[in-house]
PDB file of N, CA and C in Angstrom:
ATOM      1  N   MET A   1     -77.185  37.565  44.126  1.00  0.00           N
ATOM      2  CA  MET A   1     -77.783  36.272  44.379  1.00  0.00           C
ATOM      3  C   MET A   1     -78.702  36.378  45.595  1.00  0.00           C
ATOM      4  N   LYS A   2     -79.918  35.918  45.442  1.00  0.00           N
ATOM      5  CA  LYS A   2     -80.901  35.981  46.518  1.00  0.00           C
ATOM      6  C   LYS A   2     -80.654  34.851  47.524  1.00  0.00           C
ATOM      7  N   GLU A   3     -80.730  35.196  48.826  1.00  0.00           N
ATOM      8  CA  GLU A   3     -80.569  34.182  49.868  1.00  0.00           C
ATOM      9  C   GLU A   3     -81.763  33.257  49.886  1.00  0.00           C
ATOM     10  N   LYS A   4     -81.498  31.963  50.072  1.00  0.00           N
ATOM     11  CA  LYS A   4     -82.574  31.020  50.302  1.00  0.00           C
ATOM     12  C   LYS A   4     -82.966  31.151  51.764  1.00  0.00           C
ATOM     13  N   PRO A   5     -84.222  30.859  52.115  1.00  0.00           N
ATOM     14  CA  PRO A   5     -84.652  30.998  53.506  1.00  0.00           C
ATOM     15  C   PRO A   5     -83.768  30.245  54.497  1.00  0.00           C
ATOM     16  N   GLU A   6     -83.268  29.066  54.115  1.00  0.00           N
ATOM     17  CA  GLU A   6     -82.443  28.297  55.049  1.00  0.00           C
ATOM     18  C   GLU A   6     -81.077  28.921  55.289  1.00  0.00           C
ATOM     19  N   ASP A   7     -80.712  29.929  54.473  1.00  0.00           N
ATOM     20  CA  ASP A   7     -79.422  30.580  54.610  1.00  0.00           C
ATOM     21  C   ASP A   7     -79.448  31.781  55.557  1.00  0.00           C
ATOM     22  N   ARG A   8     -80.610  32.141  56.048  1.00  0.00           N
ATOM     23  CA  ARG A   8     -80.718  33.317  56.902  1.00  0.00           C
ATOM     24  C   ARG A   8     -80.262  32.977  58.314  1.00  0.00           C
ATOM     25  N   LEU A   9     -79.089  33.440  58.661  1.00  0.00           N
ATOM     26  CA  LEU A   9     -78.508  33.163  59.976  1.00  0.00           C
ATOM     27  C   LEU A   9     -79.414  33.648  61.097  1.00  0.00           C
ATOM     28  N   VAL A  10     -80.055  34.788  60.916  1.00  0.00           N
ATOM     29  CA  VAL A  10     -80.916  35.329  61.967  1.00  0.00           C
ATOM     30  C   VAL A  10     -82.056  34.365  62.284  1.00  0.00           C
ATOM     31  N   ASP A  11     -82.592  33.690  61.276  1.00  0.00           N
ATOM     32  CA  ASP A  11     -83.661  32.714  61.519  1.00  0.00           C
ATOM     33  C   ASP A  11     -83.140  31.524  62.305  1.00  0.00           C
ATOM     34  N   ARG A  12     -81.983  31.013  61.889  1.00  0.00           N
ATOM     35  CA  ARG A  12     -81.428  29.847  62.583  1.00  0.00           C
ATOM     36  C   ARG A  12     -81.100  30.175  64.027  1.00  0.00           C
ATOM     37  N   VAL A  13     -80.506  31.332  64.269  1.00  0.00           N
ATOM     38  CA  VAL A  13     -80.175  31.741  65.637  1.00  0.00           C
ATOM     39  C   VAL A  13     -81.453  31.963  66.430  1.00  0.00           C
ATOM     40  N   GLY A  14     -82.417  32.678  65.834  1.00  0.00           N
ATOM     41  CA  GLY A  14     -83.677  32.958  66.518  1.00  0.00           C
ATOM     42  C   GLY A  14     -84.413  31.696  66.909  1.00  0.00           C
ATOM     43  N   LEU A  15     -84.451  30.711  66.023  1.00  0.00           N
ATOM     44  CA  LEU A  15     -85.150  29.469  66.332  1.00  0.00           C
ATOM     45  C   LEU A  15     -84.378  28.622  67.330  1.00  0.00           C
ATOM     46  N   GLY A  16     -83.064  28.715  67.311  1.00  0.00           N
ATOM     47  CA  GLY A  16     -82.271  28.019  68.326  1.00  0.00           C
ATOM     48  C   GLY A  16     -82.538  28.595  69.708  1.00  0.00           C
ATOM     49  N   VAL A  17     -82.629  29.915  69.778  1.00  0.00           N
ATOM     50  CA  VAL A  17     -82.948  30.582  71.046  1.00  0.00           C
ATOM     51  C   VAL A  17     -84.365  30.207  71.471  1.00  0.00           C
ATOM     52  N   LEU A  18     -85.288  30.169  70.530  1.00  0.00           N
ATOM     53  CA  LEU A  18     -86.663  29.776  70.826  1.00  0.00           C
ATOM     54  C   LEU A  18     -86.700  28.368  71.429  1.00  0.00           C
ATOM     55  N   ALA A  19     -85.998  27.440  70.802  1.00  0.00           N
ATOM     56  CA  ALA A  19     -85.972  26.066  71.302  1.00  0.00           C
ATOM     57  C   ALA A  19     -85.322  25.995  72.681  1.00  0.00           C
ATOM     58  N   ALA A  20     -84.302  26.806  72.904  1.00  0.00           N
ATOM     59  CA  ALA A  20     -83.638  26.819  74.205  1.00  0.00           C
ATOM     60  C   ALA A  20     -84.536  27.437  75.281  1.00  0.00           C
ATOM     61  N   GLN A  21     -85.346  28.428  74.908  1.00  0.00           N
ATOM     62  CA  GLN A  21     -86.238  29.078  75.876  1.00  0.00           C
ATOM     63  C   GLN A  21     -87.464  28.244  76.197  1.00  0.00           C
ATOM     64  N   PHE A  22     -87.816  27.340  75.301  1.00  0.00           N
ATOM     65  CA  PHE A  22     -88.944  26.445  75.510  1.00  0.00           C
ATOM     66  C   PHE A  22     -88.448  25.003  75.467  1.00  0.00           C
ATOM     67  N   PRO A  23     -87.649  24.608  76.483  1.00  0.00           N
ATOM     68  CA  PRO A  23     -87.097  23.247  76.479  1.00  0.00           C
ATOM     69  C   PRO A  23     -88.210  22.204  76.614  1.00  0.00           C
ATOM     70  N   ASP A  24     -87.925  21.011  76.102  1.00  0.00           N
ATOM     71  CA  ASP A  24     -88.915  19.938  76.133  1.00  0.00           C
ATOM     72  C   ASP A  24     -89.466  19.701  77.535  1.00  0.00           C
ATOM     73  N   ALA A  25     -88.614  19.732  78.553  1.00  0.00           N
ATOM     74  CA  ALA A  25     -89.070  19.453  79.924  1.00  0.00           C
ATOM     75  C   ALA A  25     -90.138  20.457  80.359  1.00  0.00           C
ATOM     76  N   LEU A  26     -89.922  21.732  80.082  1.00  0.00           N
ATOM     77  CA  LEU A  26     -90.893  22.764  80.449  1.00  0.00           C
ATOM     78  C   LEU A  26     -92.187  22.591  79.663  1.00  0.00           C
ATOM     79  N   VAL A  27     -92.065  22.440  78.360  1.00  0.00           N
ATOM     80  CA  VAL A  27     -93.244  22.296  77.512  1.00  0.00           C
ATOM     81  C   VAL A  27     -94.001  21.021  77.885  1.00  0.00           C
ATOM     82  N   ASP A  28     -93.282  19.924  78.121  1.00  0.00           N
ATOM     83  CA  ASP A  28     -93.934  18.669  78.509  1.00  0.00           C
ATOM     84  C   ASP A  28     -94.731  18.833  79.798  1.00  0.00           C
ATOM     85  N   ARG A  29     -94.170  19.564  80.752  1.00  0.00           N
ATOM     86  CA  ARG A  29     -94.881  19.786  82.016  1.00  0.00           C
ATOM     87  C   ARG A  29     -96.170  20.573  81.775  1.00  0.00           C
ATOM     88  N   VAL A  30     -96.086  21.618  80.976  1.00  0.00           N
ATOM     89  CA  VAL A  30     -97.263  22.439  80.686  1.00  0.00           C
ATOM     90  C   VAL A  30     -98.302  21.626  79.906  1.00  0.00           C
ATOM     91  N   VAL A  31     -97.855  20.862  78.928  1.00  0.00           N
ATOM     92  CA  VAL A  31     -98.770  20.040  78.126  1.00  0.00           C
ATOM     93  C   VAL A  31     -99.481  19.018  79.022  1.00  0.00           C
ATOM     94  N   THR A  32     -98.739  18.397  79.916  1.00  0.00           N
ATOM     95  CA  THR A  32     -99.324  17.420  80.830  1.00  0.00           C
ATOM     96  C   THR A  32    -100.327  18.086  81.770  1.00  0.00           C
ATOM     97  N   GLU A  33     -99.953  19.237  82.325  1.00  0.00           N
ATOM     98  CA  GLU A  33    -100.843  19.946  83.253  1.00  0.00           C
ATOM     99  C   GLU A  33    -102.134  20.406  82.581  1.00  0.00           C
ATOM    100  N   THR A  34    -102.078  20.678  81.291  1.00  0.00           N
ATOM    101  CA  THR A  34    -103.273  21.133  80.582  1.00  0.00           C
ATOM    102  C   THR A  34    -104.046  19.981  79.953  1.00  0.00           C
ATOM    103  N   GLY A  35    -103.542  18.759  80.100  1.00  0.00           N
ATOM    104  CA  GLY A  35    -104.242  17.587  79.579  1.00  0.00           C
ATOM    105  C   GLY A  35    -104.216  17.465  78.072  1.00  0.00           C
ATOM    106  N   ARG A  36    -103.188  17.995  77.431  1.00  0.00           N
ATOM    107  CA  ARG A  36    -103.100  17.971  75.966  1.00  0.00           C
ATOM    108  C   ARG A  36    -102.026  17.015  75.451  1.00  0.00           C
ATOM    109  N   ARG A  37    -101.638  16.043  76.257  1.00  0.00           N
ATOM    110  CA  ARG A  37    -100.595  15.076  75.898  1.00  0.00           C
ATOM    111  C   ARG A  37    -101.032  14.234  74.699  1.00  0.00           C
ATOM    112  N   GLU A  38    -100.115  13.985  73.776  1.00  0.00           N
ATOM    113  CA  GLU A  38    -100.418  13.124  72.637  1.00  0.00           C
ATOM    114  C   GLU A  38    -100.581  11.678  73.126  1.00  0.00           C
ATOM    115  N   LYS A  39    -101.420  10.931  72.457  1.00  0.00           N
ATOM    116  CA  LYS A  39    -101.703   9.562  72.874  1.00  0.00           C
ATOM    117  C   LYS A  39    -100.644   8.579  72.387  1.00  0.00           C
ATOM    118  N   ARG A  40    -100.004   8.898  71.275  1.00  0.00           N
ATOM    119  CA  ARG A  40     -98.961   8.048  70.709  1.00  0.00           C
ATOM    120  C   ARG A  40     -97.744   8.892  70.365  1.00  0.00           C
ATOM    121  N   THR A  41     -96.591   8.241  70.275  1.00  0.00           N
ATOM    122  CA  THR A  41     -95.386   8.937  69.837  1.00  0.00           C
ATOM    123  C   THR A  41     -95.512   9.186  68.339  1.00  0.00           C
ATOM    124  N   ARG A  42     -95.302  10.417  67.962  1.00  0.00           N
ATOM    125  CA  ARG A  42     -95.463  10.816  66.563  1.00  0.00           C
ATOM    126  C   ARG A  42     -94.260  11.634  66.116  1.00  0.00           C
ATOM    127  N   ASP A  43     -94.271  11.989  64.832  1.00  0.00           N
ATOM    128  CA  ASP A  43     -93.221  12.850  64.285  1.00  0.00           C
ATOM    129  C   ASP A  43     -93.356  14.283  64.777  1.00  0.00           C
ATOM    130  N   LEU A  44     -94.538  14.640  65.279  1.00  0.00           N
ATOM    131  CA  LEU A  44     -94.803  16.002  65.729  1.00  0.00           C
ATOM    132  C   LEU A  44     -95.210  16.002  67.206  1.00  0.00           C
ATOM    133  N   PRO A  45     -94.233  15.826  68.090  1.00  0.00           N
ATOM    134  CA  PRO A  45     -94.571  15.832  69.520  1.00  0.00           C
ATOM    135  C   PRO A  45     -95.037  17.212  69.975  1.00  0.00           C
ATOM    136  N   ALA A  46     -95.693  17.235  71.116  1.00  0.00           N
ATOM    137  CA  ALA A  46     -96.277  18.473  71.633  1.00  0.00           C
ATOM    138  C   ALA A  46     -95.239  19.584  71.779  1.00  0.00           C
ATOM    139  N   ALA A  47     -94.058  19.267  72.267  1.00  0.00           N
ATOM    140  CA  ALA A  47     -93.023  20.299  72.464  1.00  0.00           C
ATOM    141  C   ALA A  47     -92.654  20.962  71.139  1.00  0.00           C
ATOM    142  N   LEU A  48     -92.537  20.188  70.099  1.00  0.00           N
ATOM    143  CA  LEU A  48     -92.226  20.736  68.780  1.00  0.00           C
ATOM    144  C   LEU A  48     -93.364  21.624  68.290  1.00  0.00           C
ATOM    145  N   MET A  49     -94.601  21.193  68.489  1.00  0.00           N
ATOM    146  CA  MET A  49     -95.744  21.970  68.024  1.00  0.00           C
ATOM    147  C   MET A  49     -95.884  23.281  68.790  1.00  0.00           C
ATOM    148  N   VAL A  50     -95.554  23.287  70.074  1.00  0.00           N
ATOM    149  CA  VAL A  50     -95.591  24.544  70.835  1.00  0.00           C
ATOM    150  C   VAL A  50     -94.582  25.522  70.259  1.00  0.00           C
ATOM    151  N   ARG A  51     -93.353  25.053  70.013  1.00  0.00           N
ATOM    152  CA  ARG A  51     -92.341  25.927  69.422  1.00  0.00           C
ATOM    153  C   ARG A  51     -92.763  26.386  68.016  1.00  0.00           C
ATOM    154  N   TYR A  52     -93.425  25.520  67.279  1.00  0.00           N
ATOM    155  CA  TYR A  52     -93.904  25.864  65.937  1.00  0.00           C
ATOM    156  C   TYR A  52     -94.911  27.014  65.997  1.00  0.00           C
ATOM    157  N   VAL A  53     -95.862  26.932  66.906  1.00  0.00           N
ATOM    158  CA  VAL A  53     -96.877  27.983  67.020  1.00  0.00           C
ATOM    159  C   VAL A  53     -96.234  29.314  67.408  1.00  0.00           C
ATOM    160  N   VAL A  54     -95.270  29.271  68.331  1.00  0.00           N
ATOM    161  CA  VAL A  54     -94.568  30.502  68.712  1.00  0.00           C
ATOM    162  C   VAL A  54     -93.785  31.036  67.512  1.00  0.00           C
ATOM    163  N   ALA A  55     -93.137  30.141  66.768  1.00  0.00           N
ATOM    164  CA  ALA A  55     -92.358  30.557  65.599  1.00  0.00           C
ATOM    165  C   ALA A  55     -93.251  31.167  64.516  1.00  0.00           C
ATOM    166  N   LEU A  56     -94.465  30.671  64.375  1.00  0.00           N
ATOM    167  CA  LEU A  56     -95.392  31.266  63.408  1.00  0.00           C
ATOM    168  C   LEU A  56     -95.630  32.738  63.729  1.00  0.00           C
ATOM    169  N   ALA A  57     -95.712  33.054  65.016  1.00  0.00           N
ATOM    170  CA  ALA A  57     -95.907  34.447  65.416  1.00  0.00           C
ATOM    171  C   ALA A  57     -94.650  35.279  65.182  1.00  0.00           C
ATOM    172  N   LEU A  58     -93.477  34.652  65.305  1.00  0.00           N
ATOM    173  CA  LEU A  58     -92.217  35.372  65.123  1.00  0.00           C
ATOM    174  C   LEU A  58     -91.869  35.600  63.656  1.00  0.00           C
ATOM    175  N   PHE A  59     -92.334  34.732  62.789  1.00  0.00           N
ATOM    176  CA  PHE A  59     -92.011  34.808  61.365  1.00  0.00           C
ATOM    177  C   PHE A  59     -93.292  34.825  60.532  1.00  0.00           C
ATOM    178  N   PRO A  60     -94.116  35.870  60.681  1.00  0.00           N
ATOM    179  CA  PRO A  60     -95.422  35.889  60.014  1.00  0.00           C
ATOM    180  C   PRO A  60     -95.354  35.961  58.488  1.00  0.00           C
ATOM    181  N   SER A  61     -94.243  36.404  57.941  1.00  0.00           N
ATOM    182  CA  SER A  61     -94.161  36.517  56.485  1.00  0.00           C
ATOM    183  C   SER A  61     -93.709  35.218  55.814  1.00  0.00           C
ATOM    184  N   ASP A  62     -93.289  34.240  56.618  1.00  0.00           N
ATOM    185  CA  ASP A  62     -92.880  32.944  56.065  1.00  0.00           C
ATOM    186  C   ASP A  62     -94.077  32.002  56.010  1.00  0.00           C
ATOM    187  N   GLY A  63     -94.062  31.106  55.060  1.00  0.00           N
ATOM    188  CA  GLY A  63     -95.143  30.126  54.939  1.00  0.00           C
ATOM    189  C   GLY A  63     -95.091  29.092  56.057  1.00  0.00           C
ATOM    190  N   TYR A  64     -96.210  28.426  56.264  1.00  0.00           N
ATOM    191  CA  TYR A  64     -96.303  27.417  57.320  1.00  0.00           C
ATOM    192  C   TYR A  64     -95.244  26.327  57.174  1.00  0.00           C
ATOM    193  N   ASP A  65     -95.084  25.823  55.953  1.00  0.00           N
ATOM    194  CA  ASP A  65     -94.101  24.757  55.724  1.00  0.00           C
ATOM    195  C   ASP A  65     -92.681  25.227  56.008  1.00  0.00           C
ATOM    196  N   GLU A  66     -92.371  26.468  55.594  1.00  0.00           N
ATOM    197  CA  GLU A  66     -91.030  27.004  55.827  1.00  0.00           C
ATOM    198  C   GLU A  66     -90.764  27.181  57.315  1.00  0.00           C
ATOM    199  N   VAL A  67     -91.751  27.667  58.059  1.00  0.00           N
ATOM    200  CA  VAL A  67     -91.579  27.821  59.510  1.00  0.00           C
ATOM    201  C   VAL A  67     -91.367  26.448  60.142  1.00  0.00           C
ATOM    202  N   MET A  68     -92.144  25.450  59.732  1.00  0.00           N
ATOM    203  CA  MET A  68     -91.972  24.095  60.288  1.00  0.00           C
ATOM    204  C   MET A  68     -90.577  23.568  59.954  1.00  0.00           C
ATOM    205  N   ARG A  69     -90.130  23.803  58.737  1.00  0.00           N
ATOM    206  CA  ARG A  69     -88.797  23.327  58.354  1.00  0.00           C
ATOM    207  C   ARG A  69     -87.735  23.957  59.243  1.00  0.00           C
ATOM    208  N   GLN A  70     -87.850  25.253  59.475  1.00  0.00           N
ATOM    209  CA  GLN A  70     -86.873  25.946  60.319  1.00  0.00           C
ATOM    210  C   GLN A  70     -86.929  25.454  61.765  1.00  0.00           C
ATOM    211  N   VAL A  71     -88.128  25.204  62.275  1.00  0.00           N
ATOM    212  CA  VAL A  71     -88.266  24.683  63.644  1.00  0.00           C
ATOM    213  C   VAL A  71     -87.646  23.296  63.738  1.00  0.00           C
ATOM    214  N   LYS A  72     -87.878  22.467  62.724  1.00  0.00           N
ATOM    215  CA  LYS A  72     -87.286  21.118  62.713  1.00  0.00           C
ATOM    216  C   LYS A  72     -85.761  21.198  62.629  1.00  0.00           C
ATOM    217  N   VAL A  73     -85.233  22.118  61.832  1.00  0.00           N
ATOM    218  CA  VAL A  73     -83.776  22.293  61.743  1.00  0.00           C
ATOM    219  C   VAL A  73     -83.214  22.655  63.111  1.00  0.00           C
ATOM    220  N   ALA A  74     -83.853  23.601  63.799  1.00  0.00           N
ATOM    221  CA  ALA A  74     -83.393  24.012  65.132  1.00  0.00           C
ATOM    222  C   ALA A  74     -83.509  22.864  66.120  1.00  0.00           C
ATOM    223  N   ASP A  75     -84.608  22.124  66.061  1.00  0.00           N
ATOM    224  CA  ASP A  75     -84.804  20.977  66.962  1.00  0.00           C
ATOM    225  C   ASP A  75     -83.728  19.920  66.727  1.00  0.00           C
ATOM    226  N   ASP A  76     -83.483  19.601  65.464  1.00  0.00           N
ATOM    227  CA  ASP A  76     -82.457  18.606  65.135  1.00  0.00           C
ATOM    228  C   ASP A  76     -81.084  19.079  65.580  1.00  0.00           C
ATOM    229  N   TRP A  77     -80.810  20.371  65.412  1.00  0.00           N
ATOM    230  CA  TRP A  77     -79.521  20.917  65.825  1.00  0.00           C
ATOM    231  C   TRP A  77     -79.345  20.780  67.334  1.00  0.00           C
ATOM    232  N   LEU A  78     -80.396  21.113  68.091  1.00  0.00           N
ATOM    233  CA  LEU A  78     -80.311  20.988  69.549  1.00  0.00           C
ATOM    234  C   LEU A  78     -80.175  19.534  69.986  1.00  0.00           C
ATOM    235  N   ALA A  79     -80.785  18.629  69.238  1.00  0.00           N
ATOM    236  CA  ALA A  79     -80.706  17.205  69.567  1.00  0.00           C
ATOM    237  C   ALA A  79     -79.422  16.581  69.020  1.00  0.00           C
ATOM    238  N   ASP A  80     -78.593  17.381  68.364  1.00  0.00           N
ATOM    239  CA  ASP A  80     -77.347  16.913  67.763  1.00  0.00           C
ATOM    240  C   ASP A  80     -77.592  15.865  66.682  1.00  0.00           C
ATOM    241  N   SER A  81     -78.709  16.017  65.984  1.00  0.00           N
ATOM    242  CA  SER A  81     -79.042  15.105  64.891  1.00  0.00           C
ATOM    243  C   SER A  81     -78.508  15.668  63.590  1.00  0.00           C
ATOM    244  N   ALA A  82     -78.088  14.783  62.737  1.00  0.00           N
ATOM    245  CA  ALA A  82     -77.599  15.215  61.431  1.00  0.00           C
ATOM    246  C   ALA A  82     -78.468  14.589  60.357  1.00  0.00           C
ATOM    247  N   GLY A  83     -78.365  15.114  59.173  1.00  0.00           N
ATOM    248  CA  GLY A  83     -79.109  14.545  58.064  1.00  0.00           C
ATOM    249  C   GLY A  83     -80.165  15.494  57.552  1.00  0.00           C
ATOM    250  N   PRO A  84     -80.834  15.075  56.489  1.00  0.00           N
ATOM    251  CA  PRO A  84     -81.857  15.931  55.901  1.00  0.00           C
ATOM    252  C   PRO A  84     -83.058  16.079  56.834  1.00  0.00           C
ATOM    253  N   VAL A  85     -83.657  17.238  56.784  1.00  0.00           N
ATOM    254  CA  VAL A  85     -84.824  17.521  57.623  1.00  0.00           C
ATOM    255  C   VAL A  85     -86.074  17.129  56.847  1.00  0.00           C
ATOM    256  N   LYS A  86     -86.892  16.298  57.462  1.00  0.00           N
ATOM    257  CA  LYS A  86     -88.149  15.871  56.847  1.00  0.00           C
ATOM    258  C   LYS A  86     -89.264  16.764  57.369  1.00  0.00           C
ATOM    259  N   VAL A  87     -89.848  17.540  56.471  1.00  0.00           N
ATOM    260  CA  VAL A  87     -90.960  18.417  56.853  1.00  0.00           C
ATOM    261  C   VAL A  87     -92.243  17.611  56.719  1.00  0.00           C
ATOM    262  N   PRO A  88     -93.033  17.539  57.790  1.00  0.00           N
ATOM    263  CA  PRO A  88     -94.279  16.781  57.741  1.00  0.00           C
ATOM    264  C   PRO A  88     -95.263  17.392  56.746  1.00  0.00           C
ATOM    265  N   ALA A  89     -96.166  16.571  56.295  1.00  0.00           N
ATOM    266  CA  ALA A  89     -97.215  17.034  55.384  1.00  0.00           C
ATOM    267  C   ALA A  89     -98.102  18.048  56.098  1.00  0.00           C
ATOM    268  N   THR A  90     -98.687  18.918  55.318  1.00  0.00           N
ATOM    269  CA  THR A  90     -99.573  19.939  55.879  1.00  0.00           C
ATOM    270  C   THR A  90    -100.715  19.311  56.673  1.00  0.00           C
ATOM    271  N   THR A  91    -101.227  18.177  56.209  1.00  0.00           N
ATOM    272  CA  THR A  91    -102.309  17.509  56.932  1.00  0.00           C
ATOM    273  C   THR A  91    -101.850  17.030  58.304  1.00  0.00           C
ATOM    274  N   ALA A  92    -100.611  16.557  58.404  1.00  0.00           N
ATOM    275  CA  ALA A  92    -100.083  16.126  59.712  1.00  0.00           C
ATOM    276  C   ALA A  92     -99.937  17.314  60.662  1.00  0.00           C
ATOM    277  N   ILE A  93     -99.488  18.441  60.120  1.00  0.00           N
ATOM    278  CA  ILE A  93     -99.350  19.651  60.934  1.00  0.00           C
ATOM    279  C   ILE A  93    -100.727  20.090  61.424  1.00  0.00           C
ATOM    280  N   THR A  94    -101.705  20.065  60.537  1.00  0.00           N
ATOM    281  CA  THR A  94    -103.057  20.467  60.896  1.00  0.00           C
ATOM    282  C   THR A  94    -103.634  19.572  61.981  1.00  0.00           C
ATOM    283  N   LYS A  95    -103.452  18.267  61.857  1.00  0.00           N
ATOM    284  CA  LYS A  95    -103.969  17.330  62.876  1.00  0.00           C
ATOM    285  C   LYS A  95    -103.288  17.555  64.216  1.00  0.00           C
ATOM    286  N   ALA A  96    -101.982  17.818  64.185  1.00  0.00           N
ATOM    287  CA  ALA A  96    -101.240  18.040  65.436  1.00  0.00           C
ATOM    288  C   ALA A  96    -101.731  19.284  66.117  1.00  0.00           C
TER     289      ALA A  96
END
């Protein structure tokens, strides 16, 4: 039986470590200092997008949507959120 991408423990652990190494407070400070703060609260805050871009480099063989899904899973896990993960549309990711 082939593993589904969400079943790969190494990905979940790796993205959890990524989220822990790039905490919102640090990323928010850098985003503010560089003048790239979002104007409105959105589903894709700057801290999440920074982790997403780093994750794209770490998982180059995975598709953009799959990497975003994994980043959202790790983010929700760190935030102690439960429930299904909503992956934003590709257009929303592109705009962010």
